[in-house]
Protein backbone atom coordinates (compact mmCIF):
# COMPACT_ATOMS: atom_id res chain seq x y z
CA MET A 1 0.02 -0.01 -0.05
CA LYS A 2 1.06 3.65 -0.57
CA PHE A 3 1.65 5.91 2.51
CA GLN A 4 3.27 9.27 3.06
CA VAL A 5 5.96 9.66 5.50
CA SER A 6 8.17 12.72 6.43
CA CYS A 7 11.79 12.79 5.15
CA ARG A 8 14.58 14.99 6.37
CA LEU A 9 16.62 16.80 3.62
CA GLU A 10 20.00 16.82 5.29
CA HIS A 11 21.43 19.45 3.00
CA LYS A 12 18.73 21.99 4.16
CA CYS A 13 18.54 20.95 7.86
CA VAL A 14 20.49 23.34 10.20
CA GLY A 15 19.77 21.34 13.35
CA CYS A 16 17.34 23.87 14.95
CA ASN A 17 15.37 20.86 16.26
CA PHE A 18 12.05 22.65 16.08
CA CYS A 19 10.51 19.54 14.47
CA THR A 20 11.51 17.41 17.53
CA LEU A 21 11.18 19.85 20.42
CA PHE A 22 8.01 21.81 19.55
CA ILE A 23 5.93 19.33 17.52
CA ASN A 24 3.91 16.57 19.19
CA CYS A 25 5.29 13.79 17.09
CA PRO A 26 5.44 10.02 17.86
CA SER A 27 9.02 9.97 16.40
CA GLU A 28 10.48 10.03 12.93
CA GLU A 29 10.65 6.28 12.98
CA ASN A 30 6.93 5.98 13.68
CA CYS A 31 5.90 8.84 11.29
CA THR A 32 2.09 9.00 10.68
CA GLY A 33 2.48 11.29 7.65
CA CYS A 34 0.51 14.15 9.31
CA GLY A 35 2.77 16.63 7.76
CA ALA A 36 2.95 18.97 10.75
CA CYS A 37 6.80 18.92 10.69
CA VAL A 38 6.73 19.67 6.94
CA GLU A 39 4.61 22.80 7.47
CA ALA A 40 6.62 23.96 10.52
CA CYS A 41 10.20 23.65 9.38
CA PRO A 42 11.57 27.16 8.87
CA TYR A 43 14.23 25.89 6.48
CA SER A 44 11.94 23.56 4.38
CA ALA A 45 14.12 20.67 5.40
CA LYS A 46 11.21 18.32 5.91
CA VAL A 47 9.15 16.92 2.95
CA LEU A 48 6.47 14.23 2.63
CA GLN A 49 7.43 11.34 0.41
CA THR A 50 5.40 8.39 -0.81
CA VAL A 51 6.47 4.92 0.19
CA ILE A 52 5.11 1.54 -0.68
CA GLU A 53 5.03 -0.86 2.35
CA GLN A 54 2.93 -3.39 4.11
CA ARG A 55 1.56 -2.33 7.50
CA ARG A 56 -0.23 -4.15 10.23
CA LEU A 57 -3.90 -3.54 10.52
CA VAL A 58 -5.23 -2.11 13.81
CA LYS A 59 -8.84 -2.43 14.99
CA LEU A 60 -10.64 0.86 15.96
CA THR A 61 -14.21 1.61 17.16
CA ILE A 62 -15.64 4.77 15.60
CA ASN A 63 -19.04 5.92 16.86
CA GLY A 64 -19.78 2.33 17.88
CA ARG A 65 -18.77 0.72 14.69
CA THR A 66 -15.57 -1.39 14.17
CA PHE A 67 -12.99 -0.56 11.46
CA GLN A 68 -9.59 -1.79 10.51
CA VAL A 69 -7.01 0.68 9.31
CA PRO A 70 -3.21 0.49 8.72
CA GLU A 71 -1.04 1.38 11.77
CA ARG A 72 1.06 4.56 11.75
CA MET A 73 -1.63 6.99 10.54
CA THR A 74 -3.53 9.76 12.18
CA VAL A 75 -6.99 9.54 13.66
CA LEU A 76 -8.02 12.14 10.95
CA ARG A 77 -6.81 9.95 8.16
CA ALA A 78 -8.62 6.89 9.83
CA LEU A 79 -11.85 8.90 9.92
CA GLU A 80 -11.47 9.72 6.27
CA LEU A 81 -10.87 6.00 5.37
CA ALA A 82 -13.97 5.24 7.48
CA GLY A 83 -16.04 7.45 5.17
CA PHE A 84 -16.12 10.79 6.95
CA LYS A 85 -16.02 13.88 4.92
CA ILE A 86 -12.97 16.02 5.98
CA SER A 87 -12.81 19.73 5.24
CA SER A 88 -10.39 22.58 5.73
CA LEU A 89 -13.18 25.17 6.10
CA PRO A 90 -15.60 24.83 9.01
CA GLY A 91 -19.05 23.67 8.05
CA GLU A 92 -18.08 22.05 4.79
CA GLY A 93 -17.61 18.52 6.19
CA GLU A 94 -18.29 16.25 9.03
CA ILE A 95 -14.82 16.87 10.50
CA SER A 96 -13.27 20.29 10.03
CA ALA A 97 -9.47 20.29 10.19
CA PRO A 98 -8.32 23.81 9.44
CA CYS A 99 -4.84 23.97 10.74
CA ARG A 100 -3.65 20.26 10.60
CA THR A 101 -0.72 20.95 12.85
CA GLY A 102 -2.24 20.24 16.17
CA GLY A 103 -2.72 23.80 17.36
CA CYS A 104 -6.28 24.84 16.99
CA TRP A 105 -8.02 21.59 18.05
CA GLY A 106 -10.84 22.46 15.58
CA CYS A 107 -10.62 18.85 14.41
CA ALA A 108 -10.89 17.39 17.96
CA VAL A 109 -12.70 14.18 18.62
CA VAL A 110 -13.07 12.06 21.77
CA VAL A 111 -10.35 9.41 21.89
CA ASP A 112 -10.63 6.85 24.68
CA GLY A 113 -12.75 9.32 26.69
CA GLN A 114 -10.50 12.33 26.21
CA LEU A 115 -10.60 15.24 23.69
CA ARG A 116 -7.69 14.98 21.27
CA PRO A 117 -6.75 16.76 17.96
CA SER A 118 -7.42 14.13 15.28
CA CYS A 119 -4.93 15.70 12.83
CA ILE A 120 -1.85 14.63 14.80
CA THR A 121 -3.00 11.86 17.13
CA PRO A 122 -1.79 8.42 15.99
CA VAL A 123 -4.19 5.43 15.85
CA ARG A 124 -3.49 2.40 18.00
CA GLU A 125 -5.02 -0.98 18.53
CA GLY A 126 -8.32 -0.95 20.29
CA MET A 127 -8.76 2.82 20.19
CA VAL A 128 -12.32 4.06 20.82
CA ILE A 129 -13.24 7.22 18.85
CA ASP A 130 -16.41 9.28 19.16
CA THR A 131 -16.88 12.21 16.85
CA ASP A 132 -19.54 13.90 18.98
CA THR A 133 -17.80 16.35 21.20
CA ALA A 134 -20.83 18.34 22.39
CA ALA A 135 -20.60 17.01 25.95
CA PHE A 136 -16.91 18.07 26.24
CA THR A 137 -15.46 21.52 27.12
CA PRO A 138 -13.58 22.78 24.07
CA GLN A 139 -9.76 23.02 24.31
CA ARG A 140 -6.99 24.53 22.23
CA LEU A 141 -3.36 25.63 22.49
CA VAL A 142 -2.94 29.23 23.71
CA SER A 143 0.28 30.73 25.02
CA GLY A 144 2.34 33.93 25.27
CA PHE A 145 0.10 35.71 27.86
CA GLU A 146 1.96 39.10 28.12
CA GLY A 147 1.74 42.80 28.03
CA HIS A 148 1.76 44.53 24.67
CA PRO A 149 3.17 48.01 24.19
CA VAL A 150 2.14 48.51 20.53
CA GLY A 151 -1.10 46.62 20.09
CA GLY A 152 -2.40 45.06 16.87
CA VAL A 153 -4.40 45.91 13.79
CA GLY A 154 -7.55 46.32 15.91
CA THR A 155 -5.94 48.60 18.44
CA PRO A 156 -7.05 52.29 18.11
CA HIS A 157 -4.28 54.53 16.97
CA TRP A 158 -4.71 57.06 19.70
CA LEU A 159 -3.88 54.54 22.27
CA LYS A 160 -0.53 53.65 20.76
CA PRO A 161 2.53 55.30 22.50
CA LYS A 162 4.09 58.21 20.70
CA GLY A 163 7.85 58.77 20.41
CA TYR A 164 9.72 57.49 23.52
CA ASP A 165 6.58 57.10 25.61
CA PHE A 166 6.88 53.36 26.28
CA ARG A 167 3.97 51.81 28.10
CA TYR A 168 1.79 48.74 27.88
CA ILE A 169 -1.62 49.44 26.29
CA GLU A 170 -3.10 45.95 26.37
CA VAL A 171 -2.42 42.25 27.32
CA VAL A 172 -2.38 39.61 24.69
CA CYS A 173 -2.35 35.87 24.13
CA PHE A 174 -1.59 33.86 21.03
CA ALA A 175 -3.61 31.00 19.69
CA HIS A 176 -1.74 28.13 18.01
CA GLY A 177 -2.57 26.86 14.63
CA CYS A 178 -3.44 28.58 11.35
CA ILE A 179 -5.16 27.76 8.09
CA LEU A 180 -2.72 29.93 6.16
CA ARG A 181 0.85 29.05 5.47
CA CYS A 182 2.44 32.58 5.19
CA PRO A 183 6.18 32.37 4.38
CA THR A 184 6.67 35.60 6.42
CA CYS A 185 4.73 34.45 9.46
CA GLN A 186 6.11 36.39 12.42
CA ASN A 187 4.68 34.06 15.07
CA TRP A 188 5.56 30.78 13.34
CA HIS A 189 7.17 29.36 16.54
CA ILE A 190 3.75 29.65 18.10
CA THR A 191 1.64 29.00 15.11
CA TYR A 192 3.25 25.57 14.48
CA SER A 193 4.06 24.42 18.01
CA SER A 194 1.87 21.58 19.35
CA VAL A 195 3.63 20.37 22.53
CA GLU A 196 1.93 22.70 24.98
CA GLU A 197 -0.91 21.64 27.21
CA PRO A 198 -4.33 22.81 25.83
CA LEU A 199 -6.44 25.25 27.79
CA THR A 200 -10.20 25.40 28.25
CA PRO A 201 -11.87 28.86 27.62
CA GLU A 202 -12.17 29.39 31.39
CA GLN A 203 -8.50 28.65 32.06
CA ALA A 204 -7.42 31.05 29.33
CA ALA A 205 -9.85 33.77 30.43
CA ARG A 206 -8.58 33.50 34.04
CA PHE A 207 -4.96 33.81 32.92
CA MET A 208 -5.84 36.81 30.77
CA THR A 209 -7.87 38.46 33.60
CA ARG A 210 -5.00 38.00 35.99
CA ILE A 211 -2.40 39.61 33.75
CA ARG A 212 -4.82 42.45 32.87
CA ARG A 213 -4.80 43.28 36.56
CA GLU A 214 -1.00 42.95 36.75
CA TYR A 215 -0.39 45.37 33.90
CA GLY A 216 -3.25 47.73 34.82
CA VAL A 217 -4.75 47.90 31.31
CA ASP A 218 -8.32 47.76 30.08
CA ARG A 219 -7.69 45.91 26.79
CA MET A 220 -7.45 42.07 26.37
CA ALA A 221 -6.40 40.82 22.93
CA ILE A 222 -6.17 37.43 21.30
CA SER A 223 -4.04 36.95 18.13
CA GLY A 224 -2.23 34.04 16.64
CA GLY A 225 -1.76 31.89 14.67
CA GLU A 226 -5.40 32.28 14.02
CA PRO A 227 -7.85 32.51 16.99
CA THR A 228 -11.08 32.06 14.99
CA LEU A 229 -10.37 28.48 13.80
CA ASN A 230 -11.99 26.84 16.84
CA LYS A 231 -15.36 28.66 16.99
CA ARG A 232 -16.78 26.99 19.99
CA TRP A 233 -13.62 27.68 22.05
CA LEU A 234 -13.30 31.32 21.07
CA LEU A 235 -17.01 32.11 21.80
CA ASN A 236 -16.81 30.58 25.15
CA TYR A 237 -13.49 32.30 25.91
CA LEU A 238 -15.06 35.71 25.12
CA ARG A 239 -18.07 34.94 27.35
CA GLN A 240 -15.78 33.89 30.20
CA LEU A 241 -13.75 37.07 29.78
CA ARG A 242 -16.89 39.26 29.86
CA GLU A 243 -18.09 37.43 32.99
CA LEU A 244 -14.68 37.94 34.73
CA ASN A 245 -14.39 41.57 33.58
CA PRO A 246 -17.84 43.11 33.85
CA ASP A 247 -16.65 46.70 34.10
CA GLU A 248 -17.56 48.98 31.14
CA LYS A 249 -13.91 49.84 30.39
CA ALA A 250 -12.87 46.25 29.61
CA ARG A 251 -12.31 45.81 25.86
CA LEU A 252 -12.11 42.42 24.19
CA HIS A 253 -10.00 42.51 21.07
CA VAL A 254 -9.68 39.80 18.37
CA ASP A 255 -7.00 40.09 15.67
CA THR A 256 -7.74 37.76 12.80
CA ASN A 257 -7.07 37.01 9.09
CA GLY A 258 -10.83 36.77 8.65
CA VAL A 259 -10.67 33.91 6.28
CA VAL A 260 -13.14 31.59 8.18
CA LEU A 261 -15.51 34.31 9.35
CA THR A 262 -19.11 34.22 8.31
CA ARG A 263 -21.94 36.63 9.04
CA ASP A 264 -23.41 34.40 11.74
CA TYR A 265 -19.94 33.89 13.30
CA ILE A 266 -19.29 37.61 13.39
CA ASP A 267 -22.77 38.13 15.02
CA GLU A 268 -21.90 35.49 17.65
CA LEU A 269 -18.48 37.12 18.31
CA VAL A 270 -20.16 40.46 19.10
CA GLU A 271 -23.00 38.84 21.24
CA SER A 272 -20.26 36.96 23.16
CA GLY A 273 -18.54 40.27 24.07
CA MET A 274 -16.02 41.21 21.37
CA THR A 275 -15.64 45.05 21.32
CA ASP A 276 -12.71 45.46 18.95
CA ILE A 277 -11.55 43.53 15.88
CA GLY A 278 -8.50 43.80 13.58
CA ILE A 279 -8.85 41.99 10.22
CA ASP A 280 -6.08 41.62 7.68
CA VAL A 281 -6.83 41.55 3.93
CA LYS A 282 -3.99 39.76 2.23
CA GLY A 283 -4.43 41.09 -1.29
CA LEU A 284 -7.06 41.78 -3.82
CA GLU A 285 -5.98 39.45 -6.60
CA LEU A 286 -5.96 35.75 -6.13
CA SER A 287 -2.35 35.37 -7.25
CA THR A 288 -1.28 37.95 -4.59
CA PHE A 289 -3.23 36.14 -1.87
CA ILE A 290 -1.65 32.85 -2.84
CA HIS A 291 1.85 34.49 -2.82
CA ILE A 292 1.36 36.10 0.61
CA THR A 293 -0.45 33.29 2.33
CA GLY A 294 1.29 30.21 0.83
CA VAL A 295 -2.08 28.54 0.24
CA ASN A 296 -1.37 26.91 -3.10
CA GLU A 297 -4.67 25.08 -3.50
CA GLU A 298 -6.42 27.51 -5.81
CA ALA A 299 -10.01 26.61 -5.03
CA LEU A 300 -9.44 26.90 -1.23
CA ALA A 301 -7.42 30.16 -1.68
CA GLN A 302 -10.34 31.65 -3.67
CA LYS A 303 -12.82 30.84 -0.88
CA LEU A 304 -10.49 32.22 1.78
CA LEU A 305 -9.94 35.50 -0.13
CA LEU A 306 -13.68 35.98 -0.66
CA ASN A 307 -14.34 35.24 2.97
CA GLU A 308 -11.92 37.84 4.38
CA TRP A 309 -13.31 40.53 2.10
CA SER A 310 -16.95 39.60 2.73
CA ALA A 311 -16.26 39.54 6.53
CA LEU A 312 -14.83 43.08 6.43
CA LYS A 313 -17.76 44.38 4.28
CA TYR A 314 -20.25 42.86 6.76
CA LEU A 315 -18.39 44.39 9.75
CA LEU A 316 -18.47 47.78 8.26
CA ASP A 317 -22.13 47.52 7.05
CA HIS A 318 -23.52 46.22 10.37
CA TYR A 319 -21.07 47.03 13.18
CA TRP A 320 -19.47 50.42 12.27
CA GLY A 321 -19.72 52.60 15.33
CA LYS A 322 -20.63 49.66 17.65
CA VAL A 323 -17.45 47.69 17.38
CA PHE A 324 -14.03 49.18 16.79
CA ILE A 325 -12.77 47.94 13.39
CA GLY A 326 -9.17 48.05 12.18
CA VAL A 327 -7.92 46.83 8.85
CA GLY A 328 -4.44 45.55 8.11
CA ILE A 329 -2.84 45.59 4.64
CA PRO A 330 0.54 43.91 4.06
CA TYR A 331 3.12 45.46 1.81
CA ASN A 332 6.37 44.28 0.36
CA PRO A 333 7.13 44.82 -3.31
CA GLU A 334 7.95 41.21 -3.60
CA PHE A 335 4.37 40.22 -2.87
CA ILE A 336 2.14 43.17 -3.89
CA SER A 337 2.30 46.21 -6.14
CA LEU A 338 1.44 49.82 -5.26
CA ASP A 339 -1.24 49.64 -7.85
CA GLU A 340 -3.01 46.79 -6.04
CA ILE A 341 -2.52 48.67 -2.76
CA ARG A 342 -4.35 51.63 -4.38
CA ARG A 343 -7.17 49.47 -5.53
CA ILE A 344 -7.46 47.89 -2.05
CA GLY A 345 -7.63 51.40 -0.62
CA GLU A 346 -10.29 52.49 -3.03
CA ARG A 347 -12.41 49.39 -2.25
CA ILE A 348 -12.22 49.96 1.46
CA ALA A 349 -12.82 53.76 1.14
CA SER A 350 -15.88 53.16 -0.95
CA TRP A 351 -17.31 51.16 2.08
CA GLU A 352 -16.08 53.45 4.89
CA PRO A 353 -13.41 56.01 4.40
CA GLU A 354 -12.95 56.74 8.20
CA VAL A 355 -12.05 53.11 9.08
CA GLN A 356 -8.56 52.73 10.60
CA VAL A 357 -6.15 51.06 8.17
CA CYS A 358 -2.70 49.95 9.16
CA ALA A 359 -0.16 49.36 6.42
CA LEU A 360 2.19 46.49 7.49
CA ASP A 361 5.76 46.31 6.36
CA TYR A 362 6.29 42.56 5.67
CA ARG A 363 9.93 41.65 6.41
CA GLY A 364 12.13 38.53 6.43
CA GLU A 365 10.58 35.87 8.78
CA PHE A 366 10.08 32.13 8.92
CA ARG A 367 10.65 30.75 5.38
CA ALA A 368 11.30 34.25 3.82
CA ARG A 369 14.29 35.19 5.86
CA THR A 370 16.13 36.81 2.95
CA LEU A 371 13.22 39.12 2.23
CA ARG A 372 14.26 42.73 2.42
CA ARG A 373 12.11 44.87 4.66
CA PRO A 374 10.52 47.83 2.93
CA THR A 375 12.34 51.08 3.58
CA PHE A 376 10.87 53.94 5.55
CA HIS A 377 10.30 55.89 2.33
CA GLN A 378 8.63 52.95 0.61
CA MET A 379 6.14 52.66 3.48
CA LEU A 380 5.50 56.44 3.35
CA GLU A 381 4.65 55.95 -0.36
CA VAL A 382 2.17 53.11 0.69
CA LYS A 383 0.65 55.59 3.17
CA ARG A 384 0.26 58.28 0.53
CA THR A 385 -1.25 55.87 -1.86
CA LEU A 386 -3.86 54.69 0.51
CA GLU A 387 -4.71 58.24 1.50
CA GLU A 388 -4.92 59.30 -2.14
CA ALA A 389 -7.36 56.35 -2.56
CA GLY A 390 -9.71 58.05 -0.14
CA LEU A 391 -8.87 56.57 3.24
CA LYS A 392 -8.84 59.11 6.06
CA CYS A 393 -7.18 57.23 8.89
CA VAL A 394 -3.97 55.44 7.79
CA ILE A 395 -1.25 54.17 10.15
CA CYS A 396 2.03 52.97 8.66
CA GLN A 397 4.27 50.39 10.33
CA THR A 398 7.89 51.20 9.47
CA GLU A 399 11.46 50.40 10.45
CA ARG A 400 11.37 53.67 12.44
CA GLY A 401 8.19 52.88 14.16
CA HIS A 402 4.49 53.66 13.55
CA ILE A 403 3.55 56.80 11.59
CA GLY A 404 0.06 57.89 12.66
CA PRO A 405 -2.79 59.29 10.64
């Protein structure tokens, strides 16, 4: 039979050991072909290769029915062999597996009585799997609870420190797992890490509330990775935060790429307590979106691109003046042209010219380490381009700090 297993490219490997220290892997010798190490390696030194071999069959029970599948594969793959429809986007299949690196737990099922991420959990003889998780409290990996002196895309510009006025303006945590594969991911060491212990919404909310008090700020943000991938977890987390922070000054801020947001999901976020949102739009053209995000499956990329723009339009149409909305636009001449930046600005300005827009200077990170950071003057040109397109509130992230509107 044909199977996929990970292979180390020795000529590319630099011995950083991220794949062995930060990925919840059974071992290279017992590779399940999940691909988490392939997605995570910052030097592209891991690849999946096809092998032909005989494997022992193991017996599983899935929703009360008995199945036999080859050993050394993931629960997610076993569910697929058992006939379950697997999807990357929530709502399109019986099992949604958006990140597939063990971070978001959006694909979680009950394994031997415990919630486990199906995308990286290996099968074993006698395993009992239940795909109904309704009776279980959702979990996901969240870390990096800390003070934040700059804020994110959804942080109002007037709160950001000016000049040498260093101070913390919010506290933030970072959700692991992302549906995108951006080669410039700044938080890749969090996005692709899967060895941490998962947190329930209540646990994360209590951590966040405690550090809010320690830093003496009103704003509590969640970023990533991508926090929206596990919908049930995020909605419960916001509700718990609101319950633990009932004062009117408390602001609950979500920074997101917006690619899995739907109208109903946005409504539920607001109902659950979200007061501020920052949403990135990673291009206008499909080719640009693919280049920036690393999502090479064209049909999926098209859906994700449409979703992020639809989400922004819905937010501006229905929540302008009720929820603070910030928009992030990435810029590096290697990824996007000034002409496309102008057209993005014109589209947003036609919907709401006063919305806060932050131009982000994409620089060398993760797998794009040789990428040259846009210069200060290049970013000023981006700012001018967006303002000439009709936007009234443009912040520019530059090598010299933020330039305000």
